[in-house]
Amino acid sequence: IVLGMLLSMTNWGLTQDTSSPTSEGLSAEQIAEIPVVEFERLPAN
């Protein structure tokens, strides 16, 4: 429930959501061009 969400996010010091606000989104080709960054999971002990 946010009016002017990007301004509010800046006030909180949040990383802005870099997803593109488009209706169709990205194509499979565009997604394939985005470098994948792997996150290391903490092994379950």
All heavy atoms as atom14 arrays in JSON, in Angstrom:
{
  "sequence": "IVLGMLLSMTNWGLTQDTSSPTSEGLSAEQIAEIPVVEFERLPAN",
  "atom14_mask": [
    [1, 1, 1, 1, 1, 1, 1, 1, 0, 0, 0, 0, 0, 0],
    [1, 1, 1, 1, 1, 1, 1, 0, 0, 0, 0, 0, 0, 0],
    [1, 1, 1, 1, 1, 1, 1, 1, 0, 0, 0, 0, 0, 0],
    [1, 1, 1, 1, 0, 0, 0, 0, 0, 0, 0, 0, 0, 0],
    [1, 1, 1, 1, 1, 1, 1, 1, 0, 0, 0, 0, 0, 0],
    [1, 1, 1, 1, 1, 1, 1, 1, 0, 0, 0, 0, 0, 0],
    [1, 1, 1, 1, 1, 1, 1, 1, 0, 0, 0, 0, 0, 0],
    [1, 1, 1, 1, 1, 1, 0, 0, 0, 0, 0, 0, 0, 0],
    [1, 1, 1, 1, 1, 1, 1, 1, 0, 0, 0, 0, 0, 0],
    [1, 1, 1, 1, 1, 1, 1, 0, 0, 0, 0, 0, 0, 0],
    [1, 1, 1, 1, 1, 1, 1, 1, 0, 0, 0, 0, 0, 0],
    [1, 1, 1, 1, 1, 1, 1, 1, 1, 1, 1, 1, 1, 1],
    [1, 1, 1, 1, 0, 0, 0, 0, 0, 0, 0, 0, 0, 0],
    [1, 1, 1, 1, 1, 1, 1, 1, 0, 0, 0, 0, 0, 0],
    [1, 1, 1, 1, 1, 1, 1, 0, 0, 0, 0, 0, 0, 0],
    [1, 1, 1, 1, 1, 1, 1, 1, 1, 0, 0, 0, 0, 0],
    [1, 1, 1, 1, 1, 1, 1, 1, 0, 0, 0, 0, 0, 0],
    [1, 1, 1, 1, 1, 1, 1, 0, 0, 0, 0, 0, 0, 0],
    [1, 1, 1, 1, 1, 1, 0, 0, 0, 0, 0, 0, 0, 0],
    [1, 1, 1, 1, 1, 1, 0, 0, 0, 0, 0, 0, 0, 0],
    [1, 1, 1, 1, 1, 1, 1, 0, 0, 0, 0, 0, 0, 0],
    [1, 1, 1, 1, 1, 1, 1, 0, 0, 0, 0, 0, 0, 0],
    [1, 1, 1, 1, 1, 1, 0, 0, 0, 0, 0, 0, 0, 0],
    [1, 1, 1, 1, 1, 1, 1, 1, 1, 0, 0, 0, 0, 0],
    [1, 1, 1, 1, 0, 0, 0, 0, 0, 0, 0, 0, 0, 0],
    [1, 1, 1, 1, 1, 1, 1, 1, 0, 0, 0, 0, 0, 0],
    [1, 1, 1, 1, 1, 1, 0, 0, 0, 0, 0, 0, 0, 0],
    [1, 1, 1, 1, 1, 0, 0, 0, 0, 0, 0, 0, 0, 0],
    [1, 1, 1, 1, 1, 1, 1, 1, 1, 0, 0, 0, 0, 0],
    [1, 1, 1, 1, 1, 1, 1, 1, 1, 0, 0, 0, 0, 0],
    [1, 1, 1, 1, 1, 1, 1, 1, 0, 0, 0, 0, 0, 0],
    [1, 1, 1, 1, 1, 0, 0, 0, 0, 0, 0, 0, 0, 0],
    [1, 1, 1, 1, 1, 1, 1, 1, 1, 0, 0, 0, 0, 0],
    [1, 1, 1, 1, 1, 1, 1, 1, 0, 0, 0, 0, 0, 0],
    [1, 1, 1, 1, 1, 1, 1, 0, 0, 0, 0, 0, 0, 0],
    [1, 1, 1, 1, 1, 1, 1, 0, 0, 0, 0, 0, 0, 0],
    [1, 1, 1, 1, 1, 1, 1, 0, 0, 0, 0, 0, 0, 0],
    [1, 1, 1, 1, 1, 1, 1, 1, 1, 0, 0, 0, 0, 0],
    [1, 1, 1, 1, 1, 1, 1, 1, 1, 1, 1, 0, 0, 0],
    [1, 1, 1, 1, 1, 1, 1, 1, 1, 0, 0, 0, 0, 0],
    [1, 1, 1, 1, 1, 1, 1, 1, 1, 1, 1, 0, 0, 0],
    [1, 1, 1, 1, 1, 1, 1, 1, 0, 0, 0, 0, 0, 0],
    [1, 1, 1, 1, 1, 1, 1, 0, 0, 0, 0, 0, 0, 0],
    [1, 1, 1, 1, 1, 0, 0, 0, 0, 0, 0, 0, 0, 0],
    [1, 1, 1, 1, 1, 1, 1, 1, 0, 0, 0, 0, 0, 0]
  ],
  "atom14_positions": [
    [[0.89, -1.15, 0.0], [0.0, 0.0, 0.0], [0.93, 1.2, 0.0], [1.18, 1.82, 1.03], [-0.93, 0.01, 1.22], [-1.69, -1.32, 1.3], [-1.91, 1.16, 1.16], [-2.6, -1.41, 2.5], [0.0, 0.0, 0.0], [0.0, 0.0, 0.0], [0.0, 0.0, 0.0], [0.0, 0.0, 0.0], [0.0, 0.0, 0.0], [0.0, 0.0, 0.0]],
    [[1.44, 1.51, -1.17], [2.49, 2.51, -1.29], [2.16, 3.45, -2.42], [1.83, 3.01, -3.52], [3.87, 1.85, -1.55], [4.94, 2.9, -1.68], [4.22, 0.9, -0.42], [0.0, 0.0, 0.0], [0.0, 0.0, 0.0], [0.0, 0.0, 0.0], [0.0, 0.0, 0.0], [0.0, 0.0, 0.0], [0.0, 0.0, 0.0], [0.0, 0.0, 0.0]],
    [[2.23, 4.75, -2.15], [2.07, 5.74, -3.2], [3.44, 6.35, -3.43], [4.05, 6.88, -2.51], [1.06, 6.82, -2.78], [0.73, 7.89, -3.81], [0.1, 7.25, -5.04], [-0.19, 8.92, -3.22], [0.0, 0.0, 0.0], [0.0, 0.0, 0.0], [0.0, 0.0, 0.0], [0.0, 0.0, 0.0], [0.0, 0.0, 0.0], [0.0, 0.0, 0.0]],
    [[3.9, 6.31, -4.65], [5.27, 6.73, -4.91], [6.24, 5.74, -4.33], [7.09, 6.09, -3.53], [0.0, 0.0, 0.0], [0.0, 0.0, 0.0], [0.0, 0.0, 0.0], [0.0, 0.0, 0.0], [0.0, 0.0, 0.0], [0.0, 0.0, 0.0], [0.0, 0.0, 0.0], [0.0, 0.0, 0.0], [0.0, 0.0, 0.0], [0.0, 0.0, 0.0]],
    [[6.13, 4.47, -4.72], [6.87, 3.38, -4.08], [8.37, 3.58, -4.2], [9.13, 3.34, -3.28], [6.47, 2.05, -4.68], [7.12, 0.87, -3.97], [6.88, -0.64, -4.86], [7.73, -0.26, -6.38], [0.0, 0.0, 0.0], [0.0, 0.0, 0.0], [0.0, 0.0, 0.0], [0.0, 0.0, 0.0], [0.0, 0.0, 0.0], [0.0, 0.0, 0.0]],
    [[8.85, 4.0, -5.34], [10.3, 4.13, -5.52], [10.88, 5.16, -4.57], [11.97, 4.98, -4.03], [10.62, 4.5, -6.97], [10.29, 3.42, -7.99], [10.67, 3.9, -9.39], [11.0, 2.12, -7.68], [0.0, 0.0, 0.0], [0.0, 0.0, 0.0], [0.0, 0.0, 0.0], [0.0, 0.0, 0.0], [0.0, 0.0, 0.0], [0.0, 0.0, 0.0]],
    [[10.12, 6.24, -4.31], [10.59, 7.23, -3.35], [10.67, 6.63, -1.96], [11.63, 6.82, -1.22], [9.64, 8.44, -3.34], [9.96, 9.56, -2.32], [11.36, 10.11, -2.56], [8.91, 10.64, -2.36], [0.0, 0.0, 0.0], [0.0, 0.0, 0.0], [0.0, 0.0, 0.0], [0.0, 0.0, 0.0], [0.0, 0.0, 0.0], [0.0, 0.0, 0.0]],
    [[9.64, 5.85, -1.59], [9.63, 5.22, -0.27], [10.79, 4.26, -0.13], [11.42, 4.17, 0.91], [8.31, 4.48, -0.05], [7.23, 5.39, -0.08], [0.0, 0.0, 0.0], [0.0, 0.0, 0.0], [0.0, 0.0, 0.0], [0.0, 0.0, 0.0], [0.0, 0.0, 0.0], [0.0, 0.0, 0.0], [0.0, 0.0, 0.0], [0.0, 0.0, 0.0]],
    [[11.08, 3.48, -1.19], [12.18, 2.53, -1.13], [13.49, 3.24, -0.93], [14.37, 2.78, -0.2], [12.21, 1.68, -2.39], [11.06, 0.68, -2.47], [11.0, -0.18, -4.04], [12.46, -1.17, -3.93], [0.0, 0.0, 0.0], [0.0, 0.0, 0.0], [0.0, 0.0, 0.0], [0.0, 0.0, 0.0], [0.0, 0.0, 0.0], [0.0, 0.0, 0.0]],
    [[13.65, 4.41, -1.55], [14.87, 5.18, -1.37], [14.99, 5.63, 0.07], [16.06, 5.58, 0.68], [14.87, 6.4, -2.31], [14.78, 5.94, -3.66], [16.12, 7.22, -2.13], [0.0, 0.0, 0.0], [0.0, 0.0, 0.0], [0.0, 0.0, 0.0], [0.0, 0.0, 0.0], [0.0, 0.0, 0.0], [0.0, 0.0, 0.0], [0.0, 0.0, 0.0]],
    [[13.86, 6.05, 0.69], [13.9, 6.49, 2.07], [14.29, 5.37, 3.01], [14.95, 5.59, 4.02], [12.53, 7.05, 2.47], [12.22, 8.37, 1.78], [13.14, 9.04, 1.33], [10.95, 8.72, 1.67], [0.0, 0.0, 0.0], [0.0, 0.0, 0.0], [0.0, 0.0, 0.0], [0.0, 0.0, 0.0], [0.0, 0.0, 0.0], [0.0, 0.0, 0.0]],
    [[13.88, 4.14, 2.71], [14.23, 3.02, 3.56], [15.65, 2.54, 3.31], [16.17, 1.72, 4.03], [13.28, 1.85, 3.33], [11.94, 2.04, 3.94], [11.67, 2.58, 5.16], [10.67, 1.71, 3.38], [10.32, 2.59, 5.4], [9.69, 2.07, 4.32], [10.26, 1.13, 2.18], [8.33, 1.87, 4.09], [8.93, 0.93, 1.96], [7.98, 1.31, 2.9]],
    [[16.27, 2.98, 2.24], [17.6, 2.48, 1.92], [17.56, 1.13, 1.27], [18.5, 0.36, 1.39], [0.0, 0.0, 0.0], [0.0, 0.0, 0.0], [0.0, 0.0, 0.0], [0.0, 0.0, 0.0], [0.0, 0.0, 0.0], [0.0, 0.0, 0.0], [0.0, 0.0, 0.0], [0.0, 0.0, 0.0], [0.0, 0.0, 0.0], [0.0, 0.0, 0.0]],
    [[16.48, 0.79, 0.56], [16.37, -0.53, -0.06], [16.96, -0.53, -1.45], [16.91, 0.47, -2.18], [14.89, -0.94, -0.17], [14.18, -1.25, 1.15], [12.7, -1.39, 0.89], [14.73, -2.53, 1.72], [0.0, 0.0, 0.0], [0.0, 0.0, 0.0], [0.0, 0.0, 0.0], [0.0, 0.0, 0.0], [0.0, 0.0, 0.0], [0.0, 0.0, 0.0]],
    [[17.51, -1.68, -1.82], [17.89, -1.88, -3.21], [16.62, -1.84, -4.04], [15.67, -2.58, -3.78], [18.57, -3.25, -3.39], [19.72, -3.29, -2.57], [18.97, -3.47, -4.84], [0.0, 0.0, 0.0], [0.0, 0.0, 0.0], [0.0, 0.0, 0.0], [0.0, 0.0, 0.0], [0.0, 0.0, 0.0], [0.0, 0.0, 0.0], [0.0, 0.0, 0.0]],
    [[16.56, -0.98, -5.04], [15.38, -0.93, -5.86], [15.24, -2.2, -6.68], [16.22, -2.78, -7.13], [15.42, 0.29, -6.79], [15.34, 1.61, -6.03], [15.17, 2.78, -6.96], [14.95, 2.59, -8.15], [15.25, 3.98, -6.43], [0.0, 0.0, 0.0], [0.0, 0.0, 0.0], [0.0, 0.0, 0.0], [0.0, 0.0, 0.0], [0.0, 0.0, 0.0]],
    [[14.0, -2.64, -6.85], [13.71, -3.82, -7.64], [14.05, -3.5, -9.09], [13.46, -2.62, -9.71], [12.22, -4.16, -7.5], [11.92, -5.58, -7.9], [12.63, -6.07, -8.8], [11.0, -6.16, -7.33], [0.0, 0.0, 0.0], [0.0, 0.0, 0.0], [0.0, 0.0, 0.0], [0.0, 0.0, 0.0], [0.0, 0.0, 0.0], [0.0, 0.0, 0.0]],
    [[15.04, -4.19, -9.64], [15.53, -3.87, -10.98], [14.71, -4.52, -12.08], [15.03, -4.4, -13.25], [17.0, -4.32, -11.12], [17.1, -5.71, -10.78], [17.88, -3.53, -10.17], [0.0, 0.0, 0.0], [0.0, 0.0, 0.0], [0.0, 0.0, 0.0], [0.0, 0.0, 0.0], [0.0, 0.0, 0.0], [0.0, 0.0, 0.0], [0.0, 0.0, 0.0]],
    [[13.64, -5.25, -11.71], [12.81, -5.85, -12.73], [12.12, -4.76, -13.54], [11.68, -3.76, -13.0], [11.76, -6.75, -12.07], [12.35, -7.6, -11.14], [0.0, 0.0, 0.0], [0.0, 0.0, 0.0], [0.0, 0.0, 0.0], [0.0, 0.0, 0.0], [0.0, 0.0, 0.0], [0.0, 0.0, 0.0], [0.0, 0.0, 0.0], [0.0, 0.0, 0.0]],
    [[11.99, -4.96, -14.85], [11.4, -3.96, -15.72], [9.89, -3.96, -15.59], [9.25, -5.0, -15.72], [11.78, -4.24, -17.18], [13.18, -4.26, -17.32], [0.0, 0.0, 0.0], [0.0, 0.0, 0.0], [0.0, 0.0, 0.0], [0.0, 0.0, 0.0], [0.0, 0.0, 0.0], [0.0, 0.0, 0.0], [0.0, 0.0, 0.0], [0.0, 0.0, 0.0]],
    [[9.26, -2.79, -15.32], [7.8, -2.74, -15.17], [7.1, -2.71, -16.52], [6.55, -1.7, -16.94], [7.61, -1.44, -14.39], [8.73, -0.57, -14.82], [9.89, -1.49, -15.08], [0.0, 0.0, 0.0], [0.0, 0.0, 0.0], [0.0, 0.0, 0.0], [0.0, 0.0, 0.0], [0.0, 0.0, 0.0], [0.0, 0.0, 0.0], [0.0, 0.0, 0.0]],
    [[7.13, -3.8, -17.23], [6.47, -3.88, -18.53], [5.34, -4.88, -18.46], [5.28, -5.73, -17.6], [7.47, -4.34, -19.62], [7.88, -5.68, -19.32], [8.7, -3.44, -19.64], [0.0, 0.0, 0.0], [0.0, 0.0, 0.0], [0.0, 0.0, 0.0], [0.0, 0.0, 0.0], [0.0, 0.0, 0.0], [0.0, 0.0, 0.0], [0.0, 0.0, 0.0]],
    [[4.39, -4.76, -19.39], [3.23, -5.65, -19.38], [3.56, -7.01, -19.95], [3.03, -8.02, -19.52], [2.08, -5.02, -20.17], [2.48, -4.74, -21.5], [0.0, 0.0, 0.0], [0.0, 0.0, 0.0], [0.0, 0.0, 0.0], [0.0, 0.0, 0.0], [0.0, 0.0, 0.0], [0.0, 0.0, 0.0], [0.0, 0.0, 0.0], [0.0, 0.0, 0.0]],
    [[4.46, -7.06, -20.93], [4.78, -8.34, -21.55], [5.95, -9.05, -20.9], [6.09, -10.26, -21.0], [5.1, -8.14, -23.05], [3.94, -7.62, -23.87], [3.78, -6.11, -23.76], [4.7, -5.45, -23.24], [2.74, -5.59, -24.18], [0.0, 0.0, 0.0], [0.0, 0.0, 0.0], [0.0, 0.0, 0.0], [0.0, 0.0, 0.0], [0.0, 0.0, 0.0]],
    [[6.8, -8.31, -20.22], [7.98, -8.91, -19.63], [9.07, -9.14, -20.67], [9.0, -8.64, -21.8], [0.0, 0.0, 0.0], [0.0, 0.0, 0.0], [0.0, 0.0, 0.0], [0.0, 0.0, 0.0], [0.0, 0.0, 0.0], [0.0, 0.0, 0.0], [0.0, 0.0, 0.0], [0.0, 0.0, 0.0], [0.0, 0.0, 0.0], [0.0, 0.0, 0.0]],
    [[10.07, -9.91, -20.31], [11.18, -10.18, -21.2], [10.91, -11.44, -22.01], [10.25, -12.36, -21.56], [12.47, -10.36, -20.38], [12.88, -9.2, -19.47], [14.22, -9.5, -18.82], [12.92, -7.88, -20.22], [0.0, 0.0, 0.0], [0.0, 0.0, 0.0], [0.0, 0.0, 0.0], [0.0, 0.0, 0.0], [0.0, 0.0, 0.0], [0.0, 0.0, 0.0]],
    [[11.48, -11.46, -23.18], [11.37, -12.64, -24.03], [12.38, -13.69, -23.56], [13.3, -13.4, -22.79], [11.65, -12.28, -25.48], [13.01, -11.89, -25.64], [0.0, 0.0, 0.0], [0.0, 0.0, 0.0], [0.0, 0.0, 0.0], [0.0, 0.0, 0.0], [0.0, 0.0, 0.0], [0.0, 0.0, 0.0], [0.0, 0.0, 0.0], [0.0, 0.0, 0.0]],
    [[12.22, -14.9, -24.06], [13.17, -15.96, -23.74], [14.57, -15.58, -24.19], [15.56, -15.89, -23.5], [12.72, -17.27, -24.39], [0.0, 0.0, 0.0], [0.0, 0.0, 0.0], [0.0, 0.0, 0.0], [0.0, 0.0, 0.0], [0.0, 0.0, 0.0], [0.0, 0.0, 0.0], [0.0, 0.0, 0.0], [0.0, 0.0, 0.0], [0.0, 0.0, 0.0]],
    [[14.68, -14.92, -25.33], [15.98, -14.5, -25.84], [16.61, -13.46, -24.92], [17.82, -13.5, -24.65], [15.84, -13.94, -27.26], [15.48, -14.98, -28.31], [14.01, -15.39, -28.26], [13.21, -14.67, -27.62], [13.67, -16.43, -28.85], [0.0, 0.0, 0.0], [0.0, 0.0, 0.0], [0.0, 0.0, 0.0], [0.0, 0.0, 0.0], [0.0, 0.0, 0.0]],
    [[15.81, -12.51, -24.45], [16.35, -11.49, -23.55], [16.79, -12.1, -22.22], [17.84, -11.73, -21.68], [15.29, -10.41, -23.31], [15.01, -9.54, -24.52], [13.83, -8.61, -24.29], [12.77, -9.02, -23.83], [14.03, -7.33, -24.62], [0.0, 0.0, 0.0], [0.0, 0.0, 0.0], [0.0, 0.0, 0.0], [0.0, 0.0, 0.0], [0.0, 0.0, 0.0]],
    [[16.01, -13.02, -21.71], [16.38, -13.67, -20.46], [17.67, -14.46, -20.62], [18.54, -14.46, -19.73], [15.23, -14.58, -19.98], [14.04, -13.73, -19.54], [15.69, -15.49, -18.84], [12.8, -14.52, -19.18], [0.0, 0.0, 0.0], [0.0, 0.0, 0.0], [0.0, 0.0, 0.0], [0.0, 0.0, 0.0], [0.0, 0.0, 0.0], [0.0, 0.0, 0.0]],
    [[17.84, -15.13, -21.76], [19.03, -15.93, -22.01], [20.29, -15.08, -22.04], [21.39, -15.58, -21.77], [18.88, -16.71, -23.31], [0.0, 0.0, 0.0], [0.0, 0.0, 0.0], [0.0, 0.0, 0.0], [0.0, 0.0, 0.0], [0.0, 0.0, 0.0], [0.0, 0.0, 0.0], [0.0, 0.0, 0.0], [0.0, 0.0, 0.0], [0.0, 0.0, 0.0]],
    [[20.16, -13.8, -22.35], [21.32, -12.9, -22.42], [21.74, -12.36, -21.06], [22.82, -11.78, -20.93], [21.0, -11.74, -23.36], [20.85, -12.16, -24.83], [20.44, -11.01, -25.72], [20.21, -9.9, -25.17], [20.36, -11.2, -26.94], [0.0, 0.0, 0.0], [0.0, 0.0, 0.0], [0.0, 0.0, 0.0], [0.0, 0.0, 0.0], [0.0, 0.0, 0.0]],
    [[20.91, -12.55, -20.05], [21.23, -12.02, -18.71], [22.18, -12.99, -18.01], [21.86, -14.18, -17.87], [19.94, -11.84, -17.88], [19.02, -10.82, -18.55], [20.28, -11.4, -16.46], [17.68, -10.67, -17.86], [0.0, 0.0, 0.0], [0.0, 0.0, 0.0], [0.0, 0.0, 0.0], [0.0, 0.0, 0.0], [0.0, 0.0, 0.0], [0.0, 0.0, 0.0]],
    [[23.34, -12.53, -17.57], [24.27, -13.42, -16.88], [23.66, -14.0, -15.61], [23.02, -13.29, -14.83], [25.46, -12.51, -16.55], [25.34, -11.35, -17.48], [23.87, -11.17, -17.71], [0.0, 0.0, 0.0], [0.0, 0.0, 0.0], [0.0, 0.0, 0.0], [0.0, 0.0, 0.0], [0.0, 0.0, 0.0], [0.0, 0.0, 0.0], [0.0, 0.0, 0.0]],
    [[23.83, -15.29, -15.42], [23.3, -15.96, -14.24], [24.35, -15.89, -13.13], [25.5, -16.26, -13.33], [22.94, -17.42, -14.55], [22.55, -18.16, -13.27], [21.82, -17.48, -15.58], [0.0, 0.0, 0.0], [0.0, 0.0, 0.0], [0.0, 0.0, 0.0], [0.0, 0.0, 0.0], [0.0, 0.0, 0.0], [0.0, 0.0, 0.0], [0.0, 0.0, 0.0]],
    [[23.94, -15.4, -11.97], [24.81, -15.36, -10.81], [24.36, -16.46, -9.86], [23.21, -16.46, -9.4], [24.74, -13.99, -10.11], [25.62, -13.98, -8.86], [25.15, -12.87, -11.07], [0.0, 0.0, 0.0], [0.0, 0.0, 0.0], [0.0, 0.0, 0.0], [0.0, 0.0, 0.0], [0.0, 0.0, 0.0], [0.0, 0.0, 0.0], [0.0, 0.0, 0.0]],
    [[25.24, -17.39, -9.57], [24.89, -18.5, -8.7], [25.08, -18.1, -7.24], [26.07, -17.49, -6.87], [25.77, -19.72, -9.01], [25.58, -20.28, -10.42], [24.2, -20.86, -10.64], [23.5, -21.15, -9.64], [23.81, -21.03, -11.82], [0.0, 0.0, 0.0], [0.0, 0.0, 0.0], [0.0, 0.0, 0.0], [0.0, 0.0, 0.0], [0.0, 0.0, 0.0]],
    [[24.12, -18.46, -6.43], [24.18, -18.23, -4.99], [24.55, -19.56, -4.31], [23.94, -20.58, -4.6], [22.84, -17.75, -4.46], [22.54, -16.3, -4.74], [23.05, -15.66, -5.84], [21.73, -15.59, -3.88], [22.76, -14.33, -6.1], [21.43, -14.26, -4.12], [21.95, -13.62, -5.23], [0.0, 0.0, 0.0], [0.0, 0.0, 0.0], [0.0, 0.0, 0.0]],
    [[25.51, -19.52, -3.41], [25.92, -20.72, -2.69], [24.98, -20.95, -1.51], [24.85, -20.1, -0.62], [27.35, -20.58, -2.19], [27.84, -21.77, -1.39], [29.18, -21.53, -0.74], [29.79, -20.47, -0.98], [29.63, -22.41, 0.04], [0.0, 0.0, 0.0], [0.0, 0.0, 0.0], [0.0, 0.0, 0.0], [0.0, 0.0, 0.0], [0.0, 0.0, 0.0]],
    [[24.36, -22.11, -1.48], [23.45, -22.43, -0.38], [24.25, -22.95, 0.83], [25.21, -23.7, 0.67], [22.45, -23.48, -0.82], [21.38, -23.78, 0.24], [20.5, -24.93, -0.17], [19.73, -24.64, -1.35], [18.57, -24.0, -1.37], [18.07, -23.55, -0.23], [17.92, -23.8, -2.49], [0.0, 0.0, 0.0], [0.0, 0.0, 0.0], [0.0, 0.0, 0.0]],
    [[23.85, -22.53, 2.02], [24.42, -23.08, 3.23], [24.0, -24.54, 3.34], [22.8, -24.85, 3.32], [23.91, -22.29, 4.44], [24.32, -22.8, 5.83], [25.83, -22.69, 6.02], [23.58, -22.04, 6.91], [0.0, 0.0, 0.0], [0.0, 0.0, 0.0], [0.0, 0.0, 0.0], [0.0, 0.0, 0.0], [0.0, 0.0, 0.0], [0.0, 0.0, 0.0]],
    [[24.94, -25.48, 3.43], [24.55, -26.9, 3.51], [23.75, -27.18, 4.79], [24.1, -26.7, 5.87], [25.89, -27.65, 3.53], [26.89, -26.68, 2.98], [26.41, -25.31, 3.39], [0.0, 0.0, 0.0], [0.0, 0.0, 0.0], [0.0, 0.0, 0.0], [0.0, 0.0, 0.0], [0.0, 0.0, 0.0], [0.0, 0.0, 0.0], [0.0, 0.0, 0.0]],
    [[22.68, -27.93, 4.65], [21.9, -28.33, 5.82], [22.75, -29.24, 6.7], [23.32, -30.22, 6.23], [20.63, -29.05, 5.39], [0.0, 0.0, 0.0], [0.0, 0.0, 0.0], [0.0, 0.0, 0.0], [0.0, 0.0, 0.0], [0.0, 0.0, 0.0], [0.0, 0.0, 0.0], [0.0, 0.0, 0.0], [0.0, 0.0, 0.0], [0.0, 0.0, 0.0]],
    [[22.83, -28.9, 7.97], [23.65, -29.66, 8.92], [22.77, -30.71, 9.59], [22.13, -30.46, 10.61], [24.25, -28.71, 9.96], [25.29, -29.37, 10.83], [25.19, -30.55, 11.14], [26.31, -28.61, 11.22], [0.0, 0.0, 0.0], [0.0, 0.0, 0.0], [0.0, 0.0, 0.0], [0.0, 0.0, 0.0], [0.0, 0.0, 0.0], [0.0, 0.0, 0.0]]
  ]
}
